[in-house]
Amino acid sequence: MEIISIVVPCHNEGANIATLHARISGILDPLNECWELVCVNDGSRDDTLLRLIALHNADPRVRVIDLSRNFGKEAALTAGLDAARGACVIPLDADLQDPPEIIPELLAKWREGFEVVNAARIERDGDSWLKRVTARGFYWVIGGLSDVEIPADIGDFRLISRPALEALKCLPERRRFMKGLFAWVGFRTASIPYRRAPRHAGTTTWNYWKLWNFAIEGITSFSSAPLRLASYLGFAVSLFAFLYAVIIIFNKLVYGNPVAGYPSLIVAILFLGGVQLLALGIIGEYIGRLYEESKQRPVYLARQVWEAGTAGPTGNEIP
């Protein structure tokens, strides 16, 4: 039978583990599906790892990958995708905001011949109005700037066929923006609408500062438009400065105005200094990405793996 791999990055999600497994098994077991649950412990500080190991001991279909430290969700998701053995893979959040109950719909679309099946959020229950507005703004901005069409309101929850997964695993980026990488590989794609639920238990570690940095990561990963914007801004400021100089010279020749004025001089200096720092910051962001990629460090390191009754230390590559 075709194995279905469900990949779950976990960071301080101990309160959700048992419910997650119960809901997945309650959905897939009656359908006689052959499945595995690949759980990646991303440096949790609570009892997440102990609960995952206990779950593995009770159900060998649960595989546990314990990373050596907290590498971030994108790296943990990459570790789970690398380890997945299924004919298709479904990334899923441990907080149960993405309901496992629509997995059969994803599988049905896959068996119709689609190689990627996205789960599109039509409602965001549990999210504040500010988070909804900023999410829409992010997808609008990145959609306008990116050369790759990144669909709006689609997170990591989707079905990825084995051919699409193998293509995804060929991408060498160290700083990974998975939503963009999923879109970049292409393949025949369909979408399933769903209503995103509130967290089942616990509190999220994604504050607005982390979300802002995540947005910057996504934009700089899939667009060079900020660099062009810095160039356009520099050209516009230079043009404005040239026109202003013409006006000053004209006033000097016609009206004999000897002094341009201290306030306008200070404003011009501060404005030009701000524009220069902005342009340097944008350039520095891209140079930083080049620096990180040039070091060729692994995306993650796994400390130990529990699967099929065996456990042992492992490196970046998980057999």
Protein backbone atom coordinates (compact mmCIF):
# COMPACT_ATOMS: atom_id res chain seq x y z
CA MET A 1 0.00 0.00 0.00
CA GLU A 2 1.06 3.60 -0.57
CA ILE A 3 2.38 5.18 2.61
CA ILE A 4 1.08 8.61 3.60
CA SER A 5 3.62 10.63 5.58
CA ILE A 6 2.39 13.34 7.91
CA VAL A 7 5.19 15.68 9.01
CA VAL A 8 4.74 17.68 12.22
CA PRO A 9 7.36 20.16 13.51
CA CYS A 10 7.00 20.47 17.29
CA HIS A 11 8.26 23.22 19.57
CA ASN A 12 6.77 23.24 23.08
CA GLU A 13 3.64 21.41 21.92
CA GLY A 14 3.43 18.76 24.64
CA ALA A 15 -0.21 19.54 25.44
CA ASN A 16 -1.25 18.87 21.81
CA ILE A 17 0.63 15.66 20.99
CA ALA A 18 -1.88 13.06 22.21
CA THR A 19 -4.87 14.84 20.68
CA LEU A 20 -3.05 15.25 17.36
CA HIS A 21 -2.28 11.52 17.15
CA ALA A 22 -5.79 10.55 18.20
CA ARG A 23 -7.42 12.72 15.54
CA ILE A 24 -5.10 11.55 12.78
CA SER A 25 -5.53 7.86 13.60
CA GLY A 26 -9.28 8.33 14.02
CA ILE A 27 -9.46 9.72 10.48
CA LEU A 28 -7.05 7.48 8.57
CA ASP A 29 -7.50 4.11 10.29
CA PRO A 30 -11.19 3.70 9.25
CA LEU A 31 -10.11 4.43 5.66
CA ASN A 32 -7.55 1.58 5.83
CA GLU A 33 -4.79 4.00 4.87
CA CYS A 34 -1.15 3.10 5.51
CA TRP A 35 0.41 6.10 7.22
CA GLU A 36 3.30 7.32 9.32
CA LEU A 37 3.58 10.33 11.60
CA VAL A 38 6.99 12.02 11.43
CA CYS A 39 7.36 14.32 14.45
CA VAL A 40 10.37 16.66 14.65
CA ASN A 41 11.22 17.99 18.10
CA ASP A 42 12.71 21.42 17.44
CA GLY A 43 14.51 22.07 20.73
CA SER A 44 11.38 22.02 22.92
CA ARG A 45 11.80 23.08 26.55
CA ASP A 46 8.69 21.36 27.87
CA ASP A 47 7.81 17.64 27.90
CA THR A 48 7.22 17.45 24.13
CA LEU A 49 10.05 14.98 23.51
CA LEU A 50 9.02 12.66 26.36
CA ARG A 51 5.44 12.60 25.07
CA LEU A 52 6.63 11.89 21.53
CA ILE A 53 8.82 9.00 22.70
CA ALA A 54 5.91 7.56 24.69
CA LEU A 55 3.70 7.87 21.62
CA HIS A 56 6.33 6.09 19.51
CA ASN A 57 6.51 3.25 22.03
CA ALA A 58 2.72 2.88 21.88
CA ASP A 59 2.43 3.22 18.09
CA PRO A 60 5.47 2.32 15.91
CA ARG A 61 3.99 4.35 13.05
CA VAL A 62 5.12 7.43 14.98
CA ARG A 63 8.70 8.37 14.13
CA VAL A 64 10.50 10.93 16.28
CA ILE A 65 13.42 13.11 15.18
CA ASP A 66 15.05 15.09 17.98
CA LEU A 67 17.08 18.03 16.66
CA SER A 68 20.22 19.04 18.53
CA ARG A 69 18.75 22.49 19.30
CA ASN A 70 16.03 24.87 18.17
CA PHE A 71 16.71 25.52 14.46
CA GLY A 72 13.34 27.15 13.68
CA LYS A 73 10.19 25.88 12.07
CA GLU A 74 11.49 26.01 8.48
CA ALA A 75 14.49 23.83 9.36
CA ALA A 76 12.36 21.43 11.42
CA LEU A 77 9.93 21.09 8.54
CA THR A 78 12.86 20.41 6.20
CA ALA A 79 14.08 17.66 8.53
CA GLY A 80 10.67 16.01 8.50
CA LEU A 81 10.37 16.22 4.71
CA ASP A 82 13.84 14.69 4.30
CA ALA A 83 12.88 11.78 6.56
CA ALA A 84 9.40 11.13 5.10
CA ARG A 85 9.03 7.82 3.25
CA GLY A 86 5.52 8.21 1.87
CA ALA A 87 4.25 8.39 -1.68
CA CYS A 88 2.84 11.72 -0.55
CA VAL A 89 3.68 14.01 2.38
CA ILE A 90 1.39 16.29 4.36
CA PRO A 91 3.01 18.95 6.60
CA LEU A 92 0.79 19.72 9.58
CA ASP A 93 1.08 22.09 12.55
CA ALA A 94 1.05 20.47 15.98
CA ASP A 95 -1.30 23.11 17.41
CA LEU A 96 -4.25 21.64 15.42
CA GLN A 97 -5.17 24.96 13.85
CA ASP A 98 -5.02 23.09 10.55
CA PRO A 99 -7.67 20.37 10.98
CA PRO A 100 -6.57 16.80 10.12
CA GLU A 101 -10.19 16.12 9.14
CA ILE A 102 -9.62 17.49 5.63
CA ILE A 103 -6.74 15.07 4.93
CA PRO A 104 -9.14 12.69 3.09
CA GLU A 105 -10.06 15.57 0.75
CA LEU A 106 -6.38 16.22 0.05
CA LEU A 107 -5.86 12.52 -0.68
CA ALA A 108 -8.86 12.43 -3.01
CA LYS A 109 -7.46 15.31 -5.09
CA TRP A 110 -4.05 13.63 -5.17
CA ARG A 111 -5.57 10.41 -6.45
CA GLU A 112 -7.31 12.41 -9.17
CA GLY A 113 -3.85 13.16 -10.52
CA PHE A 114 -2.80 16.40 -8.84
CA GLU A 115 0.80 16.42 -7.59
CA VAL A 116 0.38 19.27 -5.07
CA VAL A 117 -2.86 19.97 -3.21
CA ASN A 118 -2.92 23.21 -1.24
CA ALA A 119 -5.16 23.82 1.76
CA ALA A 120 -6.48 27.39 1.35
CA ARG A 121 -7.66 29.29 4.43
CA ILE A 122 -11.04 30.93 3.94
CA GLU A 123 -11.39 31.92 7.61
CA ARG A 124 -8.88 32.42 10.44
CA ASP A 125 -10.75 31.64 13.65
CA GLY A 126 -8.72 32.54 16.71
CA ASP A 127 -6.52 35.12 14.96
CA SER A 128 -6.80 38.75 15.99
CA TRP A 129 -7.96 41.35 13.47
CA LEU A 130 -4.44 42.80 13.42
CA LYS A 131 -2.91 39.46 12.51
CA ARG A 132 -5.49 38.96 9.75
CA VAL A 133 -4.82 42.41 8.31
CA THR A 134 -1.02 42.01 8.45
CA ALA A 135 -1.27 38.55 6.87
CA ARG A 136 -3.30 39.93 3.97
CA GLY A 137 -0.81 42.78 3.62
CA PHE A 138 2.13 40.37 3.57
CA TYR A 139 0.63 38.18 0.85
CA TRP A 140 -0.29 41.28 -1.16
CA VAL A 141 3.25 42.67 -0.93
CA ILE A 142 5.07 39.44 -1.68
CA GLY A 143 2.62 38.66 -4.48
CA GLY A 144 3.44 41.99 -6.12
CA LEU A 145 7.20 41.77 -5.63
CA SER A 146 7.99 38.11 -6.23
CA ASP A 147 8.72 36.63 -9.63
CA VAL A 148 7.13 33.39 -8.37
CA GLU A 149 3.38 33.33 -7.81
CA ILE A 150 2.97 32.59 -4.10
CA PRO A 151 -0.72 31.89 -3.42
CA ALA A 152 -2.34 33.94 -0.67
CA ASP A 153 -3.70 32.44 2.56
CA ILE A 154 -1.93 29.12 2.04
CA GLY A 155 0.48 28.03 4.73
CA ASP A 156 2.52 24.85 5.08
CA PHE A 157 -0.59 22.63 5.29
CA ARG A 158 -0.82 20.87 1.93
CA LEU A 159 -0.23 17.55 0.22
CA ILE A 160 3.00 17.06 -1.72
CA SER A 161 3.46 14.08 -4.00
CA ARG A 162 6.74 12.17 -4.06
CA PRO A 163 7.91 13.68 -7.40
CA ALA A 164 7.27 17.22 -6.11
CA LEU A 165 9.01 16.37 -2.82
CA GLU A 166 12.09 15.03 -4.59
CA ALA A 167 12.25 18.25 -6.60
CA LEU A 168 11.92 20.29 -3.39
CA LYS A 169 14.75 18.36 -1.75
CA CYS A 170 17.07 19.38 -4.61
CA LEU A 171 16.85 23.05 -3.62
CA PRO A 172 20.04 23.95 -1.73
CA GLU A 173 19.00 27.06 0.24
CA ARG A 174 20.14 27.19 3.86
CA ARG A 175 17.79 30.04 4.84
CA ARG A 176 14.53 28.50 3.72
CA PHE A 177 11.18 30.18 3.13
CA MET A 178 9.11 27.04 2.64
CA LYS A 179 5.94 28.69 1.35
CA GLY A 180 7.94 30.15 -1.50
CA LEU A 181 9.85 26.92 -2.17
CA PHE A 182 6.59 24.95 -2.35
CA ALA A 183 5.35 27.39 -4.98
CA TRP A 184 8.64 27.51 -6.88
CA VAL A 185 8.75 23.79 -7.73
CA GLY A 186 5.40 24.03 -9.50
CA PHE A 187 3.76 20.74 -10.59
CA ARG A 188 0.06 20.21 -11.20
CA THR A 189 -1.72 21.93 -8.33
CA ALA A 190 -5.22 22.02 -6.85
CA SER A 191 -6.65 23.73 -3.75
CA ILE A 192 -9.05 22.70 -1.00
CA PRO A 193 -10.73 25.46 1.08
CA TYR A 194 -10.91 25.08 4.85
CA ARG A 195 -11.61 27.05 8.01
CA ARG A 196 -8.58 27.49 10.26
CA ALA A 197 -9.36 26.74 13.89
CA PRO A 198 -7.93 28.33 17.06
CA ARG A 199 -5.06 26.60 18.83
CA HIS A 200 -6.11 23.45 20.66
CA ALA A 201 -3.82 24.12 23.66
CA GLY A 202 -0.77 26.11 24.65
CA THR A 203 0.40 29.50 23.44
CA THR A 204 2.12 30.40 20.22
CA THR A 205 5.76 31.53 20.20
CA TRP A 206 5.18 33.60 17.03
CA ASN A 207 5.08 37.22 18.19
CA TYR A 208 4.84 40.18 15.82
CA TRP A 209 8.61 40.74 15.80
CA LYS A 210 9.19 37.16 14.62
CA LEU A 211 6.43 37.51 12.04
CA TRP A 212 8.04 40.73 10.77
CA ASN A 213 11.42 39.01 10.39
CA PHE A 214 9.68 36.08 8.71
CA ALA A 215 8.09 38.47 6.22
CA ILE A 216 11.48 40.08 5.49
CA GLU A 217 12.93 36.61 4.98
CA GLY A 218 10.21 35.72 2.50
CA ILE A 219 10.53 38.93 0.50
CA THR A 220 14.31 38.81 0.25
CA SER A 221 14.24 35.09 -0.61
CA PHE A 222 11.98 35.48 -3.63
CA SER A 223 12.42 39.02 -4.89
CA SER A 224 15.19 41.46 -5.77
CA ALA A 225 12.63 44.29 -5.97
CA PRO A 226 13.87 45.97 -2.74
CA LEU A 227 17.27 46.45 -4.40
CA ARG A 228 15.61 48.04 -7.41
CA LEU A 229 13.51 50.15 -5.04
CA ALA A 230 16.69 51.45 -3.40
CA SER A 231 18.02 52.37 -6.85
CA TYR A 232 14.80 54.14 -7.81
CA LEU A 233 14.72 55.97 -4.49
CA GLY A 234 18.30 57.12 -4.94
CA PHE A 235 17.50 58.36 -8.46
CA ALA A 236 14.41 60.22 -7.21
CA VAL A 237 16.35 61.90 -4.40
CA SER A 238 19.14 62.88 -6.80
CA LEU A 239 16.60 64.36 -9.20
CA PHE A 240 14.92 66.27 -6.36
CA ALA A 241 18.33 67.58 -5.18
CA PHE A 242 19.20 68.71 -8.72
CA LEU A 243 15.89 70.57 -9.12
CA TYR A 244 16.33 72.15 -5.71
CA ALA A 245 19.82 73.30 -6.68
CA VAL A 246 18.42 74.90 -9.84
CA ILE A 247 15.86 76.78 -7.73
CA ILE A 248 18.56 77.99 -5.31
CA ILE A 249 20.75 79.23 -8.18
CA PHE A 250 17.78 80.95 -9.80
CA ASN A 251 16.88 82.72 -6.55
CA LYS A 252 20.50 83.79 -6.12
CA LEU A 253 20.75 85.27 -9.61
CA VAL A 254 17.33 86.93 -9.71
CA TYR A 255 16.65 87.97 -6.08
CA GLY A 256 20.14 87.97 -4.67
CA ASN A 257 19.27 85.67 -1.77
CA PRO A 258 22.66 85.04 -0.11
CA VAL A 259 21.63 82.31 2.41
CA ALA A 260 19.39 79.32 1.63
CA GLY A 261 18.37 78.87 5.25
CA TYR A 262 19.55 76.71 8.11
CA PRO A 263 16.32 74.64 8.63
CA SER A 264 16.09 73.57 4.99
CA LEU A 265 19.78 72.60 5.05
CA ILE A 266 19.33 70.38 8.12
CA VAL A 267 16.20 68.76 6.67
CA ALA A 268 18.05 68.00 3.42
CA ILE A 269 21.01 66.47 5.26
CA LEU A 270 18.82 64.30 7.49
CA PHE A 271 16.67 63.21 4.56
CA LEU A 272 19.64 62.24 2.38
CA GLY A 273 21.30 60.46 5.32
CA GLY A 274 18.13 58.47 5.98
CA VAL A 275 17.84 57.45 2.33
CA GLN A 276 21.47 56.32 2.29
CA LEU A 277 21.03 54.24 5.46
CA LEU A 278 17.86 52.69 4.05
CA ALA A 279 19.65 51.71 0.84
CA LEU A 280 22.62 50.32 2.80
CA GLY A 281 20.24 48.31 5.00
CA ILE A 282 18.54 46.74 1.98
CA ILE A 283 21.89 45.90 0.38
CA GLY A 284 23.15 44.54 3.70
CA GLU A 285 20.16 42.20 3.97
CA TYR A 286 21.04 40.59 0.66
CA ILE A 287 24.77 40.49 1.46
CA GLY A 288 23.89 38.76 4.75
CA ARG A 289 22.00 36.10 2.85
CA LEU A 290 24.98 35.55 0.55
CA TYR A 291 27.25 35.26 3.62
CA GLU A 292 24.98 32.67 5.26
CA GLU A 293 24.74 30.61 2.07
CA SER A 294 28.50 30.74 1.45
CA LYS A 295 29.24 28.98 4.76
CA GLN A 296 27.41 25.85 3.51
CA ARG A 297 26.28 24.82 6.98
CA PRO A 298 23.63 22.10 7.22
CA VAL A 299 20.04 23.26 7.63
CA TYR A 300 19.65 21.18 10.80
CA LEU A 301 21.38 18.55 12.94
CA ALA A 302 19.48 15.63 14.45
CA ARG A 303 20.60 14.35 17.85
CA GLN A 304 18.60 11.13 17.91
CA VAL A 305 15.90 9.30 15.95
CA TRP A 306 13.24 6.89 17.18
CA GLU A 307 11.72 4.71 14.46
CA ALA A 308 10.56 1.09 14.11
CA GLY A 309 11.91 0.10 17.50
CA THR A 310 15.41 1.50 16.92
CA ALA A 311 17.03 4.68 18.14
CA GLY A 312 20.46 6.11 17.66
CA PRO A 313 22.45 9.24 16.94
CA THR A 314 22.35 10.60 13.42
CA GLY A 315 23.67 13.49 11.38
CA ASN A 316 22.04 15.83 8.90
CA GLU A 317 21.14 13.00 6.52
CA ILE A 318 18.49 10.69 7.92
CA PRO A 319 18.15 7.29 6.18
